[in-house]
């Protein structure tokens, strides 16, 4: 039996491996949508403002991220030392080392030759920063099960805002141990720390004792006192090396040595950055994290007591989620333009399908039809533990005005039915072909023929104003993307059209000509296509009845016929071009 959406569930169940290749986007944390408010409103709990909650941040540091990934992907023996290398100039240097190599005395920056001299049985693999960054993103997605606010704080660090979430996992220490144990079971080396400020959590994870927990701000000064002054760089992002070396020269080796010194003296001697970093570490200055994606207010989560795999069960759960989402959207007078369904499988992988609509929709049947087309690609595997429905893009819902005679009919007016059918067809085409492959052309306020129209969504959520297309006379039905040079076969006088010209090897004799129409470019814009200046356009028709839209550019001037010929030789440079056809 499925539980109600947006309910909180305790930790447990199957591990969702962050290293699974299909883990593109994981389910958000146990707290779900508007998690802080609902945590405080649970029965039996005292309701308090969010500002009274003690801020808590869980930092995760992966010291051997590159080598752990390589060992897992290439199935390297765990008893053999492994390093990741990078090439710089003509030399090969160590970029990352695992714990076994570090115990042998190897460190990043050494040459590979020196490392092999120390440890001949060393396994070396090239560094892949792109694969490492992708793994960090998958780890961040996996951490959504603990909190919806997860930030990537570096190439090998994550910060989770755990405010109001720790009690769901049995407390601060239990939550930290749960994260650590699950990650270690996947083969990752990780150090974790939980503190009242994000900078302190990162510093304790890198330099403090293992599994350090400082849940109160007043305990930060004691916990950070034995950390080296280099931890200041973790709070500020960058620290002047001269300032750090200056502190070492005067005997300031630990953060505790800075506590008793006047702040004004510290700022004068080593710069204001040192004081700012110290305040952030101690939680005395604001240091917000930057979650990789904002939490949408329209997010529903449906967890199951037992994994489901039948299509009928998935359809029933999805219908329930869509119904609840429709109620929320109706209360806010909104409609969704994009929906994302995330399926968390029992084997730890996550699958995701996304649909889009051409205009705001909140009715269940059309959304269900669009999702049903993509549910065929959803593989439940050993079962689905949880379904998450998210509406990342919503817009105000627009109501159609109908006449009074349509109130007694089920289908409404003919225009409304036609619009609904067109929107339904466009929605299906968009989800099959992609939104970028289905569009319509709309007029653009521009005098230049090249930019007088542009692509727009196939069905706009706001109707175009009447008379949007200008009634311009003399525009061809087909406009060429790149004008084709013409070869004049005579020397026309300035202001006269061509009478004979050659186009792609064929000679044309003009029977009727209308023009000229002078079109000048925008003087405030620099367009390479209009670098020659104003153009004189002509509508001409040859003896065969074919119509052309040709022009002479501004570089012709009095030399328009300088390259003309008597009928045999081409001009070295043509100033006449073909721009459109009828």
Protein backbone atom coordinates (compact mmCIF):
# COMPACT_ATOMS: atom_id res chain seq x y z
CA UNK A 1 0.00 0.00 0.00
CA UNK A 2 1.33 3.43 -0.91
CA UNK A 3 1.71 6.13 1.69
CA UNK A 4 0.45 9.63 1.18
CA UNK A 5 2.65 12.04 -0.78
CA UNK A 6 4.95 14.44 1.00
CA UNK A 7 5.10 12.40 4.17
CA UNK A 8 8.33 11.97 6.11
CA UNK A 9 9.85 8.53 6.40
CA UNK A 10 12.67 7.35 8.66
CA UNK A 11 15.99 6.25 7.24
CA UNK A 12 16.38 2.71 6.11
CA UNK A 13 15.67 0.50 3.15
CA UNK A 14 18.04 -0.32 0.36
CA UNK A 15 21.19 1.71 -0.24
CA UNK A 16 20.99 3.95 -3.26
CA UNK A 17 24.47 3.65 -4.70
CA UNK A 18 25.84 7.02 -5.82
CA UNK A 19 28.20 5.28 -8.23
CA UNK A 20 25.47 3.61 -10.28
CA UNK A 21 25.76 4.74 -13.93
CA UNK A 22 22.04 5.48 -14.15
CA UNK A 23 22.07 7.78 -11.15
CA UNK A 24 21.45 11.02 -13.00
CA UNK A 25 19.10 12.65 -10.53
CA UNK A 26 18.31 11.10 -7.19
CA UNK A 27 15.21 11.53 -5.10
CA UNK A 28 15.27 14.52 -2.84
CA UNK A 29 15.78 14.04 0.86
CA UNK A 30 13.57 12.65 3.53
CA UNK A 31 12.26 16.11 4.13
CA UNK A 32 10.69 16.66 0.69
CA UNK A 33 8.95 19.85 -0.33
CA UNK A 34 8.88 22.70 2.16
CA UNK A 35 10.74 20.40 4.48
CA UNK A 36 11.56 22.80 7.29
CA UNK A 37 7.96 23.86 7.83
CA UNK A 38 6.59 20.32 7.81
CA UNK A 39 9.28 19.00 10.12
CA UNK A 40 8.18 21.49 12.74
CA UNK A 41 4.49 20.72 12.26
CA UNK A 42 4.67 17.00 12.95
CA UNK A 43 2.33 15.81 15.74
CA UNK A 44 3.86 15.86 19.17
CA UNK A 45 6.55 18.39 18.25
CA UNK A 46 6.85 21.97 19.43
CA UNK A 47 6.37 24.45 16.62
CA UNK A 48 9.02 27.15 16.47
CA UNK A 49 10.15 29.67 13.90
CA UNK A 50 12.86 28.55 11.51
CA UNK A 51 15.20 31.22 12.83
CA UNK A 52 15.26 29.46 16.24
CA UNK A 53 16.56 26.21 14.80
CA UNK A 54 20.26 25.62 15.28
CA UNK A 55 21.86 25.66 11.83
CA UNK A 56 23.64 22.42 11.03
CA UNK A 57 25.84 21.56 8.07
CA UNK A 58 27.26 18.18 7.16
CA UNK A 59 30.51 18.30 5.17
CA UNK A 60 31.82 15.33 3.19
CA UNK A 61 35.41 15.18 1.95
CA UNK A 62 36.58 12.49 -0.45
CA UNK A 63 40.40 12.54 -0.13
CA UNK A 64 40.94 9.74 -2.67
CA UNK A 65 38.10 10.50 -5.08
CA UNK A 66 40.07 10.00 -8.32
CA UNK A 67 41.80 6.80 -7.25
CA UNK A 68 38.64 5.36 -5.68
CA UNK A 69 36.79 5.92 -8.97
CA UNK A 70 39.60 4.37 -11.01
CA UNK A 71 39.86 1.37 -8.69
CA UNK A 72 36.13 0.72 -8.98
CA UNK A 73 35.87 1.25 -12.74
CA UNK A 74 38.97 -0.75 -13.69
CA UNK A 75 38.57 -3.44 -10.99
CA UNK A 76 42.06 -2.82 -9.59
CA UNK A 77 43.23 -4.96 -6.68
CA UNK A 78 42.68 -3.16 -3.39
CA UNK A 79 46.09 -4.34 -2.10
CA UNK A 80 48.00 -2.56 -4.87
CA UNK A 81 48.96 1.12 -4.60
CA UNK A 82 47.25 3.33 -7.17
CA UNK A 83 47.99 6.86 -8.38
CA UNK A 84 46.44 9.19 -10.96
CA UNK A 85 48.89 11.04 -13.20
CA UNK A 86 48.88 14.14 -15.35
CA UNK A 87 51.29 15.23 -18.07
CA UNK A 88 52.92 18.66 -17.85
CA UNK A 89 55.35 19.46 -20.62
CA UNK A 90 57.66 16.50 -21.11
CA UNK A 91 57.14 15.07 -17.63
CA UNK A 92 54.48 12.94 -15.95
CA UNK A 93 53.52 13.93 -12.40
CA UNK A 94 51.31 12.46 -9.70
CA UNK A 95 47.96 14.26 -9.42
CA UNK A 96 46.28 12.02 -6.82
CA UNK A 97 47.38 9.12 -4.62
CA UNK A 98 45.41 6.56 -2.64
CA UNK A 99 45.95 5.63 0.99
CA UNK A 100 48.39 2.78 0.17
CA UNK A 101 50.57 5.06 -1.97
CA UNK A 102 50.49 7.78 0.69
CA UNK A 103 51.77 5.31 3.29
CA UNK A 104 54.70 4.54 0.98
CA UNK A 105 55.68 8.21 1.02
CA UNK A 106 54.16 9.22 -2.32
CA UNK A 107 52.40 12.56 -2.67
CA UNK A 108 50.86 14.67 -5.45
CA UNK A 109 53.44 16.68 -7.37
CA UNK A 110 56.11 13.97 -7.50
CA UNK A 111 57.30 12.72 -10.87
CA UNK A 112 56.15 9.28 -11.88
CA UNK A 113 59.76 8.14 -12.25
CA UNK A 114 60.56 9.12 -8.66
CA UNK A 115 57.40 7.40 -7.44
CA UNK A 116 58.30 4.15 -9.22
CA UNK A 117 61.78 4.31 -7.71
CA UNK A 118 60.17 4.34 -4.26
CA UNK A 119 57.43 1.81 -5.04
CA UNK A 120 58.13 -0.26 -8.21
CA UNK A 121 54.80 -2.14 -8.08
CA UNK A 122 52.86 1.10 -8.43
CA UNK A 123 49.75 1.18 -10.66
CA UNK A 124 49.44 4.48 -12.55
CA UNK A 125 46.36 5.66 -14.47
CA UNK A 126 45.75 9.00 -16.24
CA UNK A 127 43.69 11.58 -14.39
CA UNK A 128 40.18 12.26 -15.76
CA UNK A 129 38.82 15.50 -14.23
CA UNK A 130 35.58 15.27 -16.24
CA UNK A 131 34.76 11.82 -14.86
CA UNK A 132 35.63 12.99 -11.34
CA UNK A 133 33.31 15.99 -11.66
CA UNK A 134 30.51 13.74 -12.93
CA UNK A 135 30.99 11.47 -9.92
CA UNK A 136 30.74 14.45 -7.56
CA UNK A 137 27.46 15.45 -9.19
CA UNK A 138 26.10 11.91 -8.79
CA UNK A 139 27.15 11.96 -5.16
CA UNK A 140 25.32 15.27 -4.69
CA UNK A 141 22.19 13.77 -6.26
CA UNK A 142 22.48 10.76 -3.97
CA UNK A 143 22.73 13.02 -0.91
CA UNK A 144 19.26 14.40 -1.67
CA UNK A 145 17.90 11.56 0.47
CA UNK A 146 19.21 13.43 3.52
CA UNK A 147 18.31 17.03 2.63
CA UNK A 148 17.01 18.92 -0.40
CA UNK A 149 19.83 21.47 -0.02
CA UNK A 150 23.15 20.01 -1.19
CA UNK A 151 26.04 22.15 -2.45
CA UNK A 152 29.21 21.19 -4.30
CA UNK A 153 31.95 22.96 -2.31
CA UNK A 154 34.92 21.94 -4.44
CA UNK A 155 36.27 19.23 -6.68
CA UNK A 156 36.11 16.67 -3.84
CA UNK A 157 33.78 18.15 -1.21
CA UNK A 158 30.03 18.36 -0.56
CA UNK A 159 28.08 20.36 2.01
CA UNK A 160 24.60 19.28 3.11
CA UNK A 161 22.38 21.65 5.06
CA UNK A 162 20.99 19.35 7.74
CA UNK A 163 18.97 21.92 9.70
CA UNK A 164 15.77 20.23 10.87
CA UNK A 165 16.67 16.88 9.26
CA UNK A 166 18.85 15.09 11.79
CA UNK A 167 16.01 13.77 13.96
CA UNK A 168 14.73 11.76 10.97
CA UNK A 169 17.87 9.65 11.16
CA UNK A 170 18.16 9.33 14.92
CA UNK A 171 20.16 12.45 15.71
CA UNK A 172 23.28 14.27 14.52
CA UNK A 173 25.74 11.45 15.20
CA UNK A 174 23.47 8.77 13.73
CA UNK A 175 22.92 10.79 10.55
CA UNK A 176 26.65 11.33 10.08
CA UNK A 177 27.41 7.65 10.61
CA UNK A 178 24.65 6.62 8.20
CA UNK A 179 26.09 8.79 5.43
CA UNK A 180 29.63 7.63 6.13
CA UNK A 181 28.80 3.92 6.25
CA UNK A 182 26.73 3.94 3.07
CA UNK A 183 29.46 5.74 1.13
CA UNK A 184 32.20 3.47 2.41
CA UNK A 185 30.23 0.41 1.35
CA UNK A 186 30.44 1.71 -2.23
CA UNK A 187 34.25 1.80 -2.04
CA UNK A 188 34.73 5.51 -1.38
CA UNK A 189 37.08 6.96 1.21
CA UNK A 190 35.22 9.71 3.03
CA UNK A 191 35.71 11.98 6.02
CA UNK A 192 32.63 13.62 7.50
CA UNK A 193 32.00 16.37 10.02
CA UNK A 194 28.86 18.12 11.22
CA UNK A 195 29.03 21.66 12.57
CA UNK A 196 26.99 24.80 13.12
CA UNK A 197 28.60 26.63 10.16
CA UNK A 198 29.49 25.33 6.69
CA UNK A 199 33.06 26.64 6.85
CA UNK A 200 33.64 24.93 10.21
CA UNK A 201 32.18 21.66 8.91
CA UNK A 202 34.55 21.68 5.93
CA UNK A 203 37.55 22.59 8.09
CA UNK A 204 36.78 19.82 10.59
CA UNK A 205 36.29 17.27 7.82
CA UNK A 206 39.72 18.09 6.35
CA UNK A 207 41.77 18.80 9.49
CA UNK A 208 39.73 17.68 12.49
CA UNK A 209 39.12 14.30 14.11
CA UNK A 210 37.08 11.69 12.29
CA UNK A 211 33.28 12.00 12.59
CA UNK A 212 33.42 15.26 14.53
CA UNK A 213 30.05 16.71 15.58
CA UNK A 214 29.70 20.28 16.89
CA UNK A 215 25.99 21.03 16.93
CA UNK A 216 26.17 24.26 18.96
CA UNK A 217 27.77 27.47 17.76
CA UNK A 218 29.34 28.14 21.14
CA UNK A 219 31.36 24.93 20.83
CA UNK A 220 33.03 25.89 17.56
CA UNK A 221 35.88 27.85 19.12
CA UNK A 222 36.97 24.85 21.21
CA UNK A 223 36.65 22.38 18.32
CA UNK A 224 38.58 24.60 15.89
CA UNK A 225 41.34 25.69 18.28
CA UNK A 226 43.76 22.90 17.31
CA UNK A 227 43.29 23.28 13.55
CA UNK A 228 46.13 24.83 11.51
CA UNK A 229 45.78 28.41 10.29
CA UNK A 230 45.66 27.07 6.72
CA UNK A 231 42.02 26.17 7.49
CA UNK A 232 41.22 29.87 7.04
CA UNK A 233 41.52 29.37 3.28
CA UNK A 234 38.59 26.92 3.40
CA UNK A 235 36.29 29.63 4.73
CA UNK A 236 37.36 32.38 2.33
CA UNK A 237 37.95 30.26 -0.77
CA UNK A 238 41.45 31.70 -1.23
CA UNK A 239 44.05 33.03 1.16
CA UNK A 240 47.16 35.09 0.53
CA UNK A 241 50.22 32.91 1.02
CA UNK A 242 52.12 35.88 2.41
CA UNK A 243 49.52 36.21 5.17
CA UNK A 244 49.80 32.52 6.08
CA UNK A 245 53.59 32.56 6.05
CA UNK A 246 53.55 35.79 8.08
CA UNK A 247 51.42 34.15 10.77
CA UNK A 248 53.83 31.21 10.96
CA UNK A 249 56.80 33.56 11.29
CA UNK A 250 55.33 35.21 14.37
CA UNK A 251 54.36 31.89 15.97
CA UNK A 252 50.66 31.77 15.02
CA UNK A 253 50.36 28.15 13.90
CA UNK A 254 46.84 27.24 15.07
CA UNK A 255 43.46 28.93 15.00
CA UNK A 256 43.42 29.02 18.79
CA UNK A 257 46.43 31.34 18.67
CA UNK A 258 44.28 33.95 16.91
CA UNK A 259 41.43 34.02 19.43
CA UNK A 260 43.12 36.28 21.97
CA UNK A 261 44.49 38.77 19.47
CA UNK A 262 42.55 41.99 18.78
CA UNK A 263 40.66 41.85 15.50
CA UNK A 264 41.89 45.28 14.48
CA UNK A 265 45.50 44.18 14.92
CA UNK A 266 44.89 41.02 12.87
CA UNK A 267 43.30 43.01 10.05
CA UNK A 268 46.11 45.57 10.06
CA UNK A 269 48.92 43.01 10.11
CA UNK A 270 47.55 40.23 7.87
CA UNK A 271 44.62 41.82 6.05
CA UNK A 272 40.84 41.92 6.58
CA UNK A 273 40.44 38.58 4.78
CA UNK A 274 41.89 36.77 7.80
CA UNK A 275 39.33 38.32 10.15
CA UNK A 276 36.47 37.58 7.74
CA UNK A 277 37.53 33.94 7.39
CA UNK A 278 37.83 33.52 11.16
CA UNK A 279 34.34 34.95 11.69
CA UNK A 280 32.91 32.53 9.15
CA UNK A 281 34.59 29.57 10.81
CA UNK A 282 33.21 30.56 14.21
CA UNK A 283 29.73 31.17 12.81
CA UNK A 284 29.86 34.88 13.60
CA UNK A 285 29.48 35.93 9.96
CA UNK A 286 27.02 34.77 7.34
CA UNK A 287 28.32 32.07 5.00
CA UNK A 288 25.39 30.63 3.03
CA UNK A 289 25.88 27.62 0.79
CA UNK A 290 24.87 27.59 -2.87
CA UNK A 291 22.71 24.51 -3.55
CA UNK A 292 23.24 23.16 -7.04
CA UNK A 293 19.54 23.52 -7.85
CA UNK A 294 16.71 25.35 -6.09
CA UNK A 295 13.94 23.36 -4.49
CA UNK A 296 10.69 23.70 -6.41
CA UNK A 297 7.54 24.35 -4.36
CA UNK A 298 5.61 21.87 -6.50
CA UNK A 299 7.13 18.53 -5.55
CA UNK A 300 5.30 15.39 -4.45
CA UNK A 301 6.84 12.21 -3.09
CA UNK A 302 5.13 8.83 -2.82
CA UNK A 303 6.98 6.05 -0.98
CA UNK A 304 5.84 2.42 -0.95
CA UNK A 305 5.89 -0.14 1.84
CA UNK A 306 7.07 -2.75 -0.69
CA UNK A 307 8.67 -2.17 -4.11
CA UNK A 308 6.21 -2.04 -7.01
CA UNK A 309 6.86 -3.21 -10.56
CA UNK A 310 3.54 -3.73 -12.34
CA UNK A 311 2.47 -1.10 -14.85
CA UNK A 312 -0.98 -0.91 -13.27
CA UNK A 313 0.56 -0.08 -9.88
CA UNK A 314 2.79 2.59 -11.42
CA UNK A 315 -0.19 4.12 -13.25
CA UNK A 316 -2.26 4.19 -10.05
CA UNK A 317 0.53 5.85 -8.09
CA UNK A 318 1.14 8.37 -10.87
CA UNK A 319 -2.57 9.21 -11.05
CA UNK A 320 -2.58 9.89 -7.32
CA UNK A 321 0.47 12.16 -7.63
CA UNK A 322 -1.03 14.05 -10.57
CA UNK A 323 -4.32 14.53 -8.73
CA UNK A 324 -2.59 16.02 -5.69
CA UNK A 325 -0.42 18.20 -7.92
CA UNK A 326 -3.50 19.44 -9.78
CA UNK A 327 -5.08 20.50 -6.48
CA UNK A 328 -1.96 22.47 -5.52
CA UNK A 329 -1.75 24.17 -8.92
CA UNK A 330 -5.45 25.04 -8.89
CA UNK A 331 -5.13 26.65 -5.46
CA UNK A 332 -2.38 28.92 -6.82
CA UNK A 333 -4.07 29.51 -10.23
CA UNK A 334 -1.03 28.00 -11.94
CA UNK A 335 -0.39 25.42 -14.63
CA UNK A 336 2.72 23.34 -15.28
CA UNK A 337 4.85 23.62 -18.40
CA UNK A 338 7.27 20.83 -17.47
CA UNK A 339 6.95 17.70 -15.35
CA UNK A 340 9.69 15.38 -14.13
CA UNK A 341 8.97 11.91 -12.77
CA UNK A 342 11.79 10.31 -10.79
CA UNK A 343 11.67 6.59 -9.98
CA UNK A 344 13.96 5.34 -7.20
CA UNK A 345 14.52 1.63 -7.78
CA UNK A 346 15.26 -1.01 -5.18
CA UNK A 347 18.71 -1.75 -6.68
CA UNK A 348 19.90 1.78 -5.86
CA UNK A 349 19.61 3.30 -9.34
CA UNK A 350 17.37 6.19 -10.33
CA UNK A 351 15.44 6.70 -13.56
CA UNK A 352 13.93 9.96 -14.70
CA UNK A 353 11.48 10.96 -17.43
CA UNK A 354 10.49 14.50 -18.36
CA UNK A 355 7.62 15.91 -20.39
CA UNK A 356 6.82 19.43 -21.55
CA UNK A 357 3.64 21.20 -22.57
CA UNK A 358 3.08 24.00 -25.06
CA UNK A 359 0.95 25.96 -22.59
CA UNK A 360 0.13 25.73 -18.86
CA UNK A 361 -1.80 22.54 -18.04
CA UNK A 362 -3.09 21.19 -14.73
CA UNK A 363 -5.74 18.67 -15.78
CA UNK A 364 -4.85 15.07 -14.96
CA UNK A 365 -5.92 13.28 -18.23
CA UNK A 366 -3.69 15.21 -20.69
CA UNK A 367 -0.70 15.03 -18.35
CA UNK A 368 -1.27 11.31 -17.84
CA UNK A 369 -1.40 10.74 -21.61
CA UNK A 370 1.93 12.50 -22.11
CA UNK A 371 3.61 10.59 -19.28
CA UNK A 372 2.14 7.28 -20.45
CA UNK A 373 4.04 7.57 -23.75
CA UNK A 374 7.35 7.72 -21.88
CA UNK A 375 6.51 5.19 -19.19
CA UNK A 376 7.28 2.49 -21.76
CA UNK A 377 10.97 3.33 -21.34
CA UNK A 378 10.79 3.05 -17.54
CA UNK A 379 12.35 -0.20 -16.34
CA UNK A 380 11.24 -1.01 -12.76
CA UNK A 381 13.97 -3.65 -12.40
CA UNK A 382 13.64 -5.31 -9.00
CA UNK A 383 10.94 -2.83 -8.04
CA UNK A 384 10.44 0.87 -7.36
CA UNK A 385 10.68 2.12 -3.79
CA UNK A 386 9.60 5.70 -4.36
CA UNK A 387 8.14 7.99 -7.03
CA UNK A 388 8.80 11.73 -7.03
CA UNK A 389 6.81 14.12 -9.24
CA UNK A 390 8.23 17.61 -9.73
CA UNK A 391 6.92 20.60 -11.67
CA UNK A 392 10.07 22.73 -12.19
CA UNK A 393 8.40 25.17 -14.61
CA UNK A 394 4.96 26.61 -13.90
CA UNK A 395 3.10 29.61 -15.32
CA UNK A 396 -0.16 31.41 -14.55
CA UNK A 397 -3.07 29.39 -15.86
CA UNK A 398 -5.01 31.13 -18.62
CA UNK A 399 -8.77 30.70 -18.86
CA UNK A 400 -10.52 30.83 -22.24
CA UNK A 401 -13.58 33.04 -22.50
CA UNK A 402 -16.53 31.26 -24.15
CA UNK A 403 -19.97 32.49 -25.13
CA UNK A 404 -23.05 31.78 -23.06
CA UNK A 405 -24.40 29.29 -25.60
CA UNK A 406 -21.45 27.00 -24.97
CA UNK A 407 -22.16 26.71 -21.25
CA UNK A 408 -24.74 23.99 -21.91
CA UNK A 409 -22.40 22.05 -24.19
CA UNK A 410 -19.68 19.71 -23.11
CA UNK A 411 -17.21 20.62 -25.79
CA UNK A 412 -17.33 24.43 -25.65
CA UNK A 413 -16.93 26.68 -28.67
CA UNK A 414 -15.32 25.55 -31.89
CA UNK A 415 -12.35 27.88 -31.41
CA UNK A 416 -11.70 26.55 -27.92
CA UNK A 417 -11.90 22.94 -29.10
CA UNK A 418 -9.58 23.68 -32.02
CA UNK A 419 -7.05 25.36 -29.73
CA UNK A 420 -7.16 22.45 -27.29
CA UNK A 421 -6.67 19.92 -30.07
CA UNK A 422 -3.78 21.89 -31.54
CA UNK A 423 -2.13 22.17 -28.12
CA UNK A 424 -2.61 18.43 -27.52
CA UNK A 425 -1.00 17.54 -30.87
CA UNK A 426 1.88 19.95 -30.26
CA UNK A 427 2.48 18.52 -26.79
CA UNK A 428 2.85 15.02 -28.22
CA UNK A 429 5.16 16.19 -30.99
CA UNK A 430 7.28 18.17 -28.53
CA UNK A 431 7.76 15.16 -26.26
CA UNK A 432 8.62 12.91 -29.20
CA UNK A 433 10.79 15.26 -31.28
CA UNK A 434 12.02 17.76 -28.70
CA UNK A 435 10.90 21.33 -28.05
CA UNK A 436 13.73 22.75 -30.17
CA UNK A 437 12.45 20.89 -33.26
CA UNK A 438 8.87 22.20 -33.20
CA UNK A 439 8.27 25.92 -33.56
CA UNK A 440 6.35 28.55 -35.50
CA UNK A 441 7.49 31.75 -37.16
CA UNK A 442 6.40 35.08 -35.70
CA UNK A 443 6.98 38.62 -36.87
CA UNK A 444 9.82 40.66 -35.40
CA UNK A 445 9.86 44.45 -35.31
CA UNK A 446 12.64 44.90 -37.86
CA UNK A 447 12.88 46.58 -41.24
CA UNK A 448 15.56 44.19 -42.46
CA UNK A 449 14.24 41.16 -44.35
CA UNK A 450 16.79 38.87 -42.69
CA UNK A 451 15.49 39.55 -39.18
CA UNK A 452 11.81 40.31 -39.84
CA UNK A 453 10.75 36.95 -38.42
CA UNK A 454 11.95 34.53 -35.79
CA UNK A 455 11.11 31.15 -34.22
CA UNK A 456 8.61 31.02 -31.37
CA UNK A 457 7.02 28.17 -29.38
CA UNK A 458 4.56 26.18 -31.44
CA UNK A 459 1.63 27.16 -29.21
CA UNK A 460 2.08 30.33 -27.22
CA UNK A 461 0.58 30.59 -23.76
CA UNK A 462 -0.36 34.17 -24.56
CA UNK A 463 -2.18 34.92 -27.78
CA UNK A 464 -0.37 37.05 -30.31
CA UNK A 465 -1.94 40.47 -30.86
CA UNK A 466 -4.08 40.78 -33.94
CA UNK A 467 -2.29 42.13 -36.97
CA UNK A 468 1.12 41.10 -35.73
CA UNK A 469 2.43 40.54 -39.26
CA UNK A 470 3.10 43.82 -41.10
CA UNK A 471 1.39 44.27 -44.46
CA UNK A 472 4.62 44.70 -46.40
CA UNK A 473 4.27 44.70 -50.18
CA UNK A 474 6.77 42.95 -52.38
CA UNK A 475 8.23 40.30 -50.10
CA UNK A 476 9.09 36.92 -51.65
CA UNK A 477 7.58 33.68 -50.42
CA UNK A 478 11.05 32.15 -50.09
CA UNK A 479 13.90 34.15 -48.59
CA UNK A 480 17.40 32.77 -49.12
CA UNK A 481 19.55 32.42 -46.04
CA UNK A 482 22.64 33.48 -48.00
CA UNK A 483 22.25 35.83 -51.01
CA UNK A 484 23.56 34.40 -54.30
CA UNK A 485 25.82 36.63 -56.45
CA UNK A 486 24.53 37.52 -59.92
CA UNK A 487 26.65 38.19 -63.00
CA UNK A 488 25.42 41.29 -64.88
CA UNK A 489 25.54 40.87 -68.66
CA UNK A 490 25.32 44.60 -69.32
CA UNK A 491 26.20 47.87 -67.62
CA UNK A 492 23.02 49.38 -66.12
CA UNK A 493 22.95 53.02 -65.25
CA UNK A 494 22.63 54.00 -61.57
CA UNK A 495 19.00 53.60 -60.52
CA UNK A 496 18.14 51.16 -63.34
CA UNK A 497 17.49 47.42 -62.89
CA UNK A 498 19.32 44.59 -64.56
CA UNK A 499 18.04 43.60 -67.98
CA UNK A 500 20.23 40.55 -68.50
CA UNK A 501 22.06 38.53 -65.86
CA UNK A 502 23.52 35.10 -65.33
CA UNK A 503 22.50 32.97 -62.33
CA UNK A 504 24.42 29.75 -61.66
CA UNK A 505 25.41 29.40 -65.31
CA UNK A 506 21.99 30.20 -66.82
CA UNK A 507 21.19 33.45 -68.60
CA UNK A 508 17.97 35.32 -67.75
CA UNK A 509 16.38 38.23 -69.64
CA UNK A 510 14.20 40.55 -67.56
CA UNK A 511 10.74 41.28 -68.97
CA UNK A 512 9.18 43.25 -66.07
CA UNK A 513 10.94 45.13 -63.25
CA UNK A 514 9.45 46.97 -60.27
CA UNK A 515 11.46 49.13 -57.88
CA UNK A 516 13.73 50.20 -56.46
CA UNK A 517 13.00 49.82 -52.74
CA UNK A 518 15.86 51.10 -50.64
CA UNK A 519 16.48 49.32 -47.32
CA UNK A 520 19.18 50.68 -45.02
CA UNK A 521 20.70 48.77 -42.08
CA UNK A 522 20.42 49.88 -38.47
CA UNK A 523 23.22 52.35 -37.91
CA UNK A 524 23.56 51.41 -34.22
CA UNK A 525 24.26 47.75 -35.01
CA UNK A 526 27.23 46.19 -36.73
CA UNK A 527 26.02 43.42 -39.00
CA UNK A 528 28.62 41.83 -41.28
CA UNK A 529 25.92 40.92 -43.82
CA UNK A 530 25.05 44.62 -44.21
CA UNK A 531 28.58 45.97 -44.12
CA UNK A 532 28.19 47.33 -47.68
CA UNK A 533 25.45 49.72 -46.53
CA UNK A 534 22.02 50.37 -48.03
CA UNK A 535 20.55 48.09 -50.69
CA UNK A 536 18.26 48.82 -53.65
CA UNK A 537 15.80 45.93 -54.07
CA UNK A 538 14.00 45.10 -57.33
CA UNK A 539 11.22 42.67 -58.18
CA UNK A 540 11.97 41.29 -61.63
CA UNK A 541 10.34 38.69 -63.87
CA UNK A 542 12.16 36.99 -66.72
CA UNK A 543 10.79 35.90 -70.07
CA UNK A 544 9.98 32.43 -68.69
CA UNK A 545 7.73 33.92 -65.99
CA UNK A 546 10.06 33.23 -63.07
CA UNK A 547 10.15 36.02 -60.47
CA UNK A 548 13.24 37.10 -58.52
CA UNK A 549 13.94 39.48 -55.66
CA UNK A 550 17.34 40.99 -56.41
CA UNK A 551 19.30 43.89 -54.99
CA UNK A 552 22.37 46.00 -55.61
CA UNK A 553 24.46 46.70 -52.55
CA UNK A 554 25.90 50.06 -51.52
CA UNK A 555 29.42 49.31 -52.79
CA UNK A 556 28.32 49.50 -56.42
CA UNK A 557 27.88 53.27 -56.68
CA UNK A 558 29.08 54.67 -59.96
CA UNK A 559 31.11 51.52 -60.58
CA UNK A 560 28.09 49.27 -60.82
CA UNK A 561 28.84 48.37 -64.39
CA UNK A 562 32.61 48.33 -64.25
CA UNK A 563 32.70 44.57 -64.40
CA UNK A 564 29.89 44.16 -66.91
CA UNK A 565 30.53 42.28 -70.06
CA UNK A 566 29.05 41.85 -73.45
CA UNK A 567 27.79 38.35 -72.75
CA UNK A 568 30.74 36.02 -72.34
CA UNK A 569 33.10 36.85 -69.48
CA UNK A 570 32.02 36.94 -65.80
CA UNK A 571 32.74 39.98 -63.64
CA UNK A 572 35.55 39.66 -61.08
CA UNK A 573 33.21 40.88 -58.32
CA UNK A 574 29.44 41.19 -58.52
CA UNK A 575 27.45 43.90 -56.73
CA UNK A 576 24.10 42.32 -57.64
CA UNK A 577 22.61 39.51 -55.58
CA UNK A 578 19.56 37.25 -55.52
CA UNK A 579 17.82 37.32 -52.11
CA UNK A 580 14.42 35.70 -52.67
CA UNK A 581 12.10 33.79 -54.99
CA UNK A 582 8.37 33.57 -55.61
